[in-house]
Each structure stands twice: as structure tokens, then as C-alpha cells.
Amino acid sequence: AGMFVTVDSMVQTFLYSFVCAPTAVKEVAAVASPKIFPNPAHNMVNVEWTTPIDNVQLVDMFGRQVRRLSLGGVSNTSIDVLGLPTGIYFLRITSTAGAVATAKLELE
């Protein structure tokens, strides 16, 4: 019986360290939300942010990435949405510092 208690204790310790141990999380300073316009959009959508943008992803309602732009630090860009089906999309904007903002975009 003593052996099972020891093994059980070791398993609990392992699981605790695996599940509950702190993980490294990069802290990012708070930044203003990006501006997305026009919204709703027809052919182009503009993105402006006060922080340098690393990349922008346009994702449809099913979670499929339909556009991705790697920008390398600019603070504004335009995204061609001509030819995409009308509907609701999401822009996931990542700054060069690692901050992430998500904005809803409607295409008409």
C-alpha cells in the first residue's frame, strides 16, 4: 500500500507541475485600438494603428484565413477585399511588439 501512495503522490506532483506551473507570457504595454475603415467595406479596407504593425490576417466566419499581409513595422496599410464574398470577417492585427488586436469587418 505504501508504494501506491508514493507513486500516486509523484503523479500528482508531476501533473501539478505540468498543468498548473506558470508559463512564460510576454507582457505588452497597452496600446490604442487600431482604426479600421471603411466598415462596411466594398473593395479596400484601411488599417491604422499607433504602433508598428508586424502582420494583418483577414479571417472569415469559419476561421479560414483569406488574406495575410506581412508588414514589418508600418503603422498603416490597405487591404484589397475585392472579390471576397459579402459577410462578416475578422482582422487580426499583430504589432511588432507582440500586441494583438482583433476587429470585426463587414464586407458588402
Protein backbone atom coordinates (compact mmCIF):
# COMPACT_ATOMS: atom_id res chain seq x y z
CA ALA A 1 0.00 0.00 0.00
CA GLY A 2 2.91 2.38 0.78
CA MET A 3 4.30 2.08 -2.74
CA PHE A 4 0.98 3.15 -4.29
CA VAL A 5 0.81 6.25 -2.09
CA THR A 6 4.31 7.27 -3.22
CA VAL A 7 3.55 6.70 -6.91
CA ASP A 8 0.22 8.50 -6.55
CA SER A 9 1.99 11.41 -4.87
CA MET A 10 4.60 11.54 -7.65
CA VAL A 11 1.89 11.53 -10.32
CA GLN A 12 0.04 14.36 -8.57
CA THR A 13 3.25 16.38 -8.31
CA PHE A 14 4.02 15.79 -11.99
CA LEU A 15 0.51 16.69 -13.10
CA TYR A 16 0.50 19.81 -10.93
CA SER A 17 3.83 20.97 -12.35
CA PHE A 18 2.68 20.24 -15.89
CA VAL A 19 -0.81 21.73 -15.69
CA CYS A 20 -0.52 24.43 -13.04
CA ALA A 21 3.03 25.67 -13.37
CA PRO A 22 3.34 29.23 -14.63
CA THR A 23 4.24 29.68 -18.26
CA ALA A 24 6.23 32.44 -19.86
CA VAL A 25 3.93 35.20 -21.08
CA LYS A 26 5.33 38.21 -22.84
CA GLU A 27 3.95 41.38 -21.30
CA VAL A 28 2.96 44.01 -23.80
CA ALA A 29 2.20 47.62 -23.00
CA ALA A 30 -1.38 48.69 -23.60
CA VAL A 31 -1.88 50.44 -26.91
CA ALA A 32 -4.84 52.16 -28.53
CA SER A 33 -7.14 50.09 -30.71
CA PRO A 34 -6.43 50.16 -34.44
CA LYS A 35 -8.71 52.13 -36.78
CA ILE A 36 -10.45 50.04 -39.45
CA PHE A 37 -12.25 51.95 -42.22
CA PRO A 38 -14.47 51.99 -44.14
CA ASN A 39 -16.57 49.45 -42.30
CA PRO A 40 -18.61 48.08 -44.01
CA ALA A 41 -16.13 47.86 -46.89
CA HIS A 42 -16.51 47.13 -50.61
CA ASN A 43 -13.10 46.94 -52.36
CA MET A 44 -10.48 48.16 -49.87
CA VAL A 45 -10.18 48.43 -46.12
CA ASN A 46 -7.66 50.65 -44.36
CA VAL A 47 -5.90 49.76 -41.12
CA GLU A 48 -4.17 52.41 -39.00
CA TRP A 49 -2.53 51.80 -35.64
CA THR A 50 -0.39 53.92 -33.36
CA THR A 51 2.06 51.04 -33.00
CA PRO A 52 4.11 49.43 -35.78
CA ILE A 53 2.24 46.52 -37.39
CA ASP A 54 4.01 43.22 -37.98
CA ASN A 55 1.18 41.43 -39.80
CA VAL A 56 -2.52 41.52 -40.56
CA GLN A 57 -4.71 38.47 -41.09
CA LEU A 58 -8.22 38.54 -42.53
CA VAL A 59 -10.26 35.56 -41.35
CA ASP A 60 -13.77 34.54 -42.43
CA MET A 61 -16.59 33.38 -40.14
CA PHE A 62 -15.36 29.78 -40.42
CA GLY A 63 -11.88 30.67 -39.14
CA ARG A 64 -10.24 30.36 -42.57
CA GLN A 65 -7.51 32.86 -43.31
CA VAL A 66 -8.40 34.60 -46.57
CA ARG A 67 -5.69 37.28 -46.60
CA ARG A 68 -2.38 37.78 -44.79
CA LEU A 69 -0.04 40.73 -45.06
CA SER A 70 3.45 40.77 -43.53
CA LEU A 71 4.22 44.44 -42.99
CA GLY A 72 7.42 44.57 -40.95
CA GLY A 73 6.66 47.67 -38.89
CA VAL A 74 4.50 50.12 -40.83
CA SER A 75 1.68 51.83 -38.93
CA ASN A 76 -0.93 51.80 -41.71
CA THR A 77 -1.92 49.70 -44.69
CA SER A 78 -4.74 48.97 -47.11
CA ILE A 79 -6.14 45.51 -47.76
CA ASP A 80 -7.72 44.54 -51.07
CA VAL A 81 -11.01 42.79 -50.33
CA LEU A 82 -12.39 42.98 -53.88
CA GLY A 83 -13.80 39.65 -54.96
CA LEU A 84 -14.35 38.28 -51.45
CA PRO A 85 -17.90 37.15 -50.65
CA THR A 86 -20.03 39.57 -48.65
CA GLY A 87 -20.32 38.81 -44.96
CA ILE A 88 -18.60 39.17 -41.61
CA TYR A 89 -14.83 38.81 -41.31
CA PHE A 90 -12.29 39.43 -38.57
CA LEU A 91 -8.99 41.30 -38.83
CA ARG A 92 -6.28 40.01 -36.51
CA ILE A 93 -3.58 42.65 -36.28
CA THR A 94 -0.26 41.90 -34.57
CA SER A 95 2.21 44.63 -33.64
CA THR A 96 5.97 44.24 -33.84
CA ALA A 97 5.94 44.24 -30.00
CA GLY A 98 3.56 41.27 -29.92
CA ALA A 99 0.30 43.07 -29.08
CA VAL A 100 -2.71 41.57 -30.85
CA ALA A 101 -5.93 43.37 -31.73
CA THR A 102 -8.99 41.83 -33.36
CA ALA A 103 -11.61 43.84 -35.21
CA LYS A 104 -14.86 42.82 -36.87
CA LEU A 105 -15.18 43.78 -40.53
CA GLU A 106 -18.27 43.66 -42.69
CA LEU A 107 -17.94 43.27 -46.46
CA GLU A 108 -20.82 44.42 -48.66
